[in-house]
Protein backbone atom coordinates (compact mmCIF):
# COMPACT_ATOMS: atom_id res chain seq x y z
CA MET A 1 -6.71 26.44 -2.16
CA PRO A 2 -8.52 24.29 0.46
CA GLU A 3 -11.40 23.70 -2.03
CA ALA A 4 -9.04 21.90 -4.31
CA LEU A 5 -8.55 18.98 -1.85
CA ALA A 6 -12.58 18.50 -1.78
CA PHE A 7 -13.00 18.64 -5.40
CA ALA A 8 -10.05 16.34 -5.90
CA ALA A 9 -11.46 13.83 -3.41
CA MET A 10 -15.00 13.75 -5.11
CA ALA A 11 -13.15 13.37 -8.62
CA ALA A 12 -11.19 10.43 -7.49
CA ALA A 13 -14.28 8.65 -6.25
CA VAL A 14 -12.64 7.79 -3.02
CA PRO A 15 -14.59 6.28 -0.01
CA ILE A 16 -17.05 8.66 1.52
CA TRP A 17 -14.84 8.99 4.74
CA TRP A 18 -12.14 10.35 2.68
CA ILE A 19 -14.50 12.93 1.13
CA ALA A 20 -15.96 13.77 4.60
CA ALA A 21 -12.57 14.28 5.87
CA ALA A 22 -11.65 16.54 2.93
CA GLY A 23 -14.71 18.49 3.58
CA VAL A 24 -13.80 19.13 7.23
CA LEU A 25 -10.25 20.20 6.35
CA THR A 26 -11.76 22.50 3.59
CA GLY A 27 -14.09 24.03 6.08
CA ALA A 28 -11.52 24.60 8.57
CA ALA A 29 -9.05 26.00 6.05
CA GLY A 30 -11.53 28.14 4.40
CA THR A 31 -12.50 29.73 7.81
CA LEU A 32 -8.84 30.39 8.40
CA GLN A 33 -8.41 31.73 5.04
CA LEU A 34 -11.50 34.18 5.55
CA VAL A 35 -10.23 35.32 8.85
CA CYS A 36 -6.79 36.12 7.63
CA PHE A 37 -8.15 37.89 4.29
CA SER A 38 -10.43 39.99 6.37
CA SER A 39 -7.74 40.98 8.65
CA ALA A 40 -5.32 41.83 5.89
CA GLN A 41 -8.20 44.14 4.25
CA GLN A 42 -8.76 45.87 7.64
CA ARG A 43 -5.13 46.32 8.25
CA GLU A 44 -3.97 47.32 4.66
CA LEU A 45 -7.05 49.39 3.49
CA PRO A 46 -7.65 53.13 4.31
CA ASP A 47 -10.67 53.44 6.47
CA GLU A 48 -12.49 55.54 4.01
CA HIS A 49 -12.23 52.68 1.35
CA LEU A 50 -12.80 49.72 3.42
CA GLY A 51 -16.55 49.45 3.37
CA ARG A 52 -16.67 49.87 -0.42
CA VAL A 53 -13.82 47.26 -0.91
CA ILE A 54 -15.54 44.55 1.14
CA ALA A 55 -18.92 45.23 -0.34
CA THR A 56 -17.52 44.85 -3.89
CA SER A 57 -15.65 41.75 -2.96
CA ALA A 58 -18.74 40.39 -1.41
CA VAL A 59 -20.95 41.19 -4.48
CA ALA A 60 -18.41 39.88 -6.92
CA GLY A 61 -18.13 36.55 -5.14
CA SER A 62 -21.96 36.14 -4.71
CA VAL A 63 -22.57 37.19 -8.49
CA LEU A 64 -20.35 34.39 -9.73
CA VAL A 65 -21.87 31.46 -7.95
CA PRO A 66 -25.06 31.34 -10.05
CA VAL A 67 -23.04 32.02 -13.20
CA PHE A 68 -20.76 28.99 -12.42
CA SER A 69 -23.68 26.90 -11.36
CA ALA A 70 -25.48 27.32 -14.44
CA VAL A 71 -22.32 26.28 -16.53
CA ALA A 72 -21.48 23.36 -14.22
CA GLY A 73 -24.57 21.24 -15.29
CA PRO A 74 -24.21 21.25 -19.02
CA LEU A 75 -20.52 20.95 -18.67
CA ALA A 76 -20.95 17.74 -16.54
CA ASP A 77 -23.47 16.51 -18.94
CA ALA A 78 -20.92 16.92 -21.86
CA VAL A 79 -17.62 15.79 -20.30
CA GLY A 80 -18.58 14.04 -17.15
CA VAL A 81 -18.97 14.85 -13.45
CA ARG A 82 -15.47 13.61 -12.51
CA THR A 83 -13.81 15.28 -15.24
CA VAL A 84 -15.46 18.70 -14.07
CA LEU A 85 -14.54 18.30 -10.47
CA ALA A 86 -11.07 17.31 -11.45
CA GLY A 87 -10.86 20.65 -13.54
CA CYS A 88 -12.34 22.57 -10.63
CA ALA A 89 -9.57 21.20 -8.48
CA ALA A 90 -6.78 21.85 -10.97
CA LEU A 91 -8.31 25.63 -11.51
CA VAL A 92 -8.29 26.24 -7.76
CA ALA A 93 -4.69 25.00 -7.44
CA ALA A 94 -3.60 26.95 -10.36
CA GLY A 95 -5.05 30.11 -8.88
CA ALA A 96 -3.59 29.62 -5.71
CA ALA A 97 -0.05 28.86 -7.24
CA ALA A 98 -0.50 32.08 -9.36
CA ALA A 99 -1.16 33.92 -6.29
CA PHE A 100 1.94 32.84 -4.56
CA CYS A 101 3.99 33.95 -7.68
CA VAL A 102 3.28 37.44 -6.74
CA ARG A 103 6.04 39.05 -4.75
CA ASP A 104 3.82 41.27 -2.48
CA VAL A 105 1.53 38.33 -1.63
CA CYS A 106 4.47 36.28 -0.30
CA ALA A 107 5.91 39.19 1.61
CA THR A 108 3.07 39.97 3.70
C-alpha cells in the first residue's frame, strides 16, 4: 500500500517536495512492510519449507519487474503518463484493500 501514495503524488503533478515526502514515506513504510512480512514467514512456515517459499517469492517478484516495465512505456504512450500512474496507485490500493478482506490476514 505505501507505493500507492508515491504513485498518486506523481499522478497529481504536485510540487516536487510533496513527491519527495511521499517517496520517503513509501520507503519507510516499505521497509516496515518487508520486516513484518519476513517475520511472519519465519514464524508461520515450517522450517523445511521456509527456504523454498522465500526463494519462490523473491523470484516471482523479480520476474514481474521487467514484464511490467515493458508494458508501462507503451501504455504511457497510449493513455498518458499521469493516467498510468493513477492506475498504478488504484491497483496497489485495491490489492491492499482486497488483502484486508481476508479474515486470516486481519486476524494475525
